[in-house]
Amino acid sequence: MIVKNNDRQQRGVVLPLALVMLVMITLIAVVGIRGVTTEERISANLRASAVAFEQAELALRHCEQIAATGGAALADARIDSTSTAGQAWRVASNWSSSNPKLRTPPFDVYQDEKRPVSAPQCLLEEVRAAPDPTVGGTMVPNAAYVVTGRGYGDASGGFRATVQSQLRPPPL
């Protein structure tokens, strides 16, 4: 009776098969971890964008309140314009901290110790109405205010959001 020894032929198959399975499991784990990391980044970016928008809204309401109150606070904050479009917010130097017309809400209103953000800012620009033929074709003063608020989603000034509104005084 002749007995064939198949043990030698089969002994080498288990190790490559186990290595292939180990590599596949490792790849699945890496892809899963990478997906979770990407989702966390997306979630953090969405949160920062929402915070920036909220801060911009807060700054906008702050300057609108200045415009509604009037008086010396309005005179100090207002940027006079000969424009009918209110383009002062587009000028980078107007957003510089050295601009005395730039306004910031009180610190305790916008700052959260758990998630610090850069100070929100707002500009208040008085614009003229388009030429009125009944007034001799001249621009009408005190026609409206363009209020622009800018907020940030983090302490480094990233995730900037800008919102804008127009205020028109009631007719006399």
Protein backbone atom coordinates (compact mmCIF):
# COMPACT_ATOMS: atom_id res chain seq x y z
CA MET A 1 0.00 0.00 0.00
CA ILE A 2 1.34 3.42 -1.06
CA VAL A 3 0.35 6.46 0.99
CA LYS A 4 0.87 9.92 -0.47
CA ASN A 5 1.81 12.64 1.92
CA ASN A 6 -0.26 15.73 1.03
CA ASP A 7 0.70 17.58 4.21
CA ARG A 8 3.68 19.27 2.54
CA GLN A 9 1.58 20.63 -0.32
CA GLN A 10 -1.15 22.05 1.94
CA ARG A 11 1.00 23.44 4.71
CA GLY A 12 2.02 26.60 2.73
CA VAL A 13 -1.53 27.70 1.79
CA VAL A 14 -2.72 28.86 5.22
CA LEU A 15 -0.06 31.56 5.71
CA PRO A 16 -0.68 33.45 2.40
CA LEU A 17 -4.45 33.16 2.90
CA ALA A 18 -4.17 34.57 6.44
CA LEU A 19 -1.97 37.45 5.21
CA VAL A 20 -4.44 38.34 2.44
CA MET A 21 -7.32 38.35 4.95
CA LEU A 22 -5.29 40.50 7.36
CA VAL A 23 -4.49 43.02 4.61
CA MET A 24 -8.17 43.20 3.60
CA ILE A 25 -9.31 43.77 7.18
CA THR A 26 -6.65 46.47 7.63
CA LEU A 27 -7.75 48.27 4.45
CA ILE A 28 -11.38 48.21 5.54
CA ALA A 29 -10.42 49.65 8.94
CA VAL A 30 -8.28 52.41 7.35
CA VAL A 31 -11.10 53.40 4.96
CA GLY A 32 -13.56 53.48 7.86
CA ILE A 33 -11.32 55.68 10.02
CA ARG A 34 -10.64 58.01 7.11
CA GLY A 35 -14.36 58.39 6.47
CA VAL A 36 -15.02 59.26 10.09
CA THR A 37 -12.20 61.84 10.07
CA THR A 38 -13.60 63.45 6.92
CA GLU A 39 -17.08 63.60 8.46
CA GLU A 40 -15.64 65.25 11.58
CA ARG A 41 -13.92 67.90 9.46
CA ILE A 42 -17.12 68.58 7.52
CA SER A 43 -19.05 68.87 10.76
CA ALA A 44 -16.47 71.30 12.23
CA ASN A 45 -16.55 73.42 9.07
CA LEU A 46 -20.36 73.56 9.11
CA ARG A 47 -20.29 74.61 12.75
CA ALA A 48 -17.70 77.33 12.10
CA SER A 49 -19.74 78.61 9.15
CA ALA A 50 -22.89 78.76 11.29
CA VAL A 51 -21.03 80.59 14.07
CA ALA A 52 -19.63 83.09 11.54
CA PHE A 53 -23.11 83.78 10.20
CA GLU A 54 -24.51 84.24 13.72
CA GLN A 55 -21.67 86.63 14.59
CA ALA A 56 -22.27 88.61 11.39
CA GLU A 57 -25.98 88.87 12.24
CA LEU A 58 -25.08 90.07 15.74
CA ALA A 59 -22.80 92.79 14.34
CA LEU A 60 -25.46 93.79 11.80
CA ARG A 61 -28.09 94.19 14.53
CA HIS A 62 -25.60 96.22 16.61
CA CYS A 63 -25.11 98.79 13.83
CA GLU A 64 -28.83 98.81 13.00
CA GLN A 65 -29.47 99.70 16.64
CA ILE A 66 -26.96 102.56 16.36
CA ALA A 67 -28.79 103.82 13.25
CA ALA A 68 -32.18 103.52 14.94
CA THR A 69 -31.01 105.35 18.07
CA GLY A 70 -29.34 108.16 16.14
CA GLY A 71 -27.61 111.01 17.91
CA ALA A 72 -23.88 111.21 18.61
CA ALA A 73 -23.36 107.44 18.33
CA LEU A 74 -24.72 107.53 14.78
CA ALA A 75 -22.67 110.61 13.87
CA ASP A 76 -19.49 108.89 15.14
CA ALA A 77 -20.19 105.58 13.36
CA ARG A 78 -21.63 106.78 10.06
CA ILE A 79 -19.57 106.75 6.88
CA ASP A 80 -20.85 109.50 4.59
CA SER A 81 -21.10 108.49 0.97
CA THR A 82 -21.83 110.23 -2.28
CA SER A 83 -22.70 106.83 -3.71
CA THR A 84 -26.20 105.56 -4.31
CA ALA A 85 -25.07 101.94 -3.92
CA GLY A 86 -23.26 101.89 -0.55
CA GLN A 87 -19.93 100.39 -1.54
CA ALA A 88 -17.82 101.33 1.52
CA TRP A 89 -17.92 97.74 2.77
CA ARG A 90 -15.95 96.66 -0.31
CA VAL A 91 -12.93 98.78 0.64
CA ALA A 92 -10.50 96.66 2.65
CA SER A 93 -9.13 99.61 4.64
CA ASN A 94 -12.61 100.27 6.06
CA TRP A 95 -12.37 96.91 7.86
CA SER A 96 -9.02 97.78 9.43
CA SER A 97 -9.00 98.04 13.22
CA SER A 98 -7.57 101.56 12.82
CA ASN A 99 -10.82 102.76 11.18
CA PRO A 100 -12.67 104.84 13.82
CA LYS A 101 -16.00 104.19 12.03
CA LEU A 102 -15.78 100.40 12.45
CA ARG A 103 -18.02 99.15 15.26
CA THR A 104 -17.89 96.00 17.39
CA PRO A 105 -20.62 94.71 19.71
CA PRO A 106 -19.75 94.51 23.43
CA PHE A 107 -17.31 91.68 24.21
CA ASP A 108 -19.59 89.82 26.62
CA VAL A 109 -22.34 89.64 23.98
CA TYR A 110 -20.38 87.70 21.34
CA GLN A 111 -17.58 85.87 23.18
CA ASP A 112 -17.97 82.30 24.44
CA GLU A 113 -15.15 81.02 26.62
CA LYS A 114 -15.66 77.47 25.29
CA ARG A 115 -15.25 78.52 21.67
CA PRO A 116 -13.46 81.86 21.19
CA VAL A 117 -14.04 83.81 18.00
CA SER A 118 -12.64 86.96 16.45
CA ALA A 119 -14.64 90.10 17.17
CA PRO A 120 -17.57 90.66 14.80
CA GLN A 121 -17.58 94.06 13.10
CA CYS A 122 -20.03 96.32 11.34
CA LEU A 123 -20.03 99.38 9.11
CA LEU A 124 -22.81 101.91 8.77
CA GLU A 125 -22.79 103.86 5.51
CA GLU A 126 -25.15 106.68 4.75
CA VAL A 127 -26.02 106.61 1.06
CA ARG A 128 -27.82 109.09 -1.13
CA ALA A 129 -30.93 108.44 -3.14
CA ALA A 130 -30.78 108.47 -6.89
CA PRO A 131 -31.24 111.89 -8.49
CA ASP A 132 -34.81 113.09 -8.08
CA PRO A 133 -36.17 115.15 -11.00
CA THR A 134 -38.65 116.89 -8.70
CA VAL A 135 -35.76 118.24 -6.57
CA GLY A 136 -33.85 119.56 -9.57
CA GLY A 137 -32.03 116.31 -10.33
CA THR A 138 -29.83 116.39 -7.22
CA MET A 139 -29.04 113.56 -4.86
CA VAL A 140 -31.25 113.49 -1.79
CA PRO A 141 -29.28 113.44 1.49
CA ASN A 142 -30.10 111.05 4.34
CA ALA A 143 -31.94 108.72 2.01
CA ALA A 144 -30.80 105.42 3.46
CA TYR A 145 -28.17 103.48 5.36
CA VAL A 146 -26.38 100.39 4.16
CA VAL A 147 -25.42 98.33 7.18
CA THR A 148 -22.84 95.59 6.73
CA GLY A 149 -21.95 93.05 9.41
CA ARG A 150 -19.01 90.71 9.33
CA GLY A 151 -18.53 87.70 11.62
CA TYR A 152 -15.90 85.01 12.05
CA GLY A 153 -16.25 81.35 12.93
CA ASP A 154 -13.04 80.98 14.89
CA ALA A 155 -10.42 82.95 16.82
CA SER A 156 -8.01 83.13 13.87
CA GLY A 157 -10.43 85.13 11.70
CA GLY A 158 -11.31 82.23 9.43
CA PHE A 159 -14.75 81.34 8.07
CA ARG A 160 -15.78 84.93 7.43
CA ALA A 161 -19.46 85.64 6.80
CA THR A 162 -20.85 88.97 5.63
CA VAL A 163 -24.48 90.07 5.86
CA GLN A 164 -26.06 93.33 4.83
CA SER A 165 -29.26 95.29 5.24
CA GLN A 166 -30.64 98.61 4.07
CA LEU A 167 -32.41 100.99 6.39
CA ARG A 168 -34.58 103.75 5.06
CA PRO A 169 -35.93 106.47 7.32
CA PRO A 170 -39.68 106.96 7.19
CA PRO A 171 -40.87 109.71 4.84
CA LEU A 172 -41.30 113.15 6.40
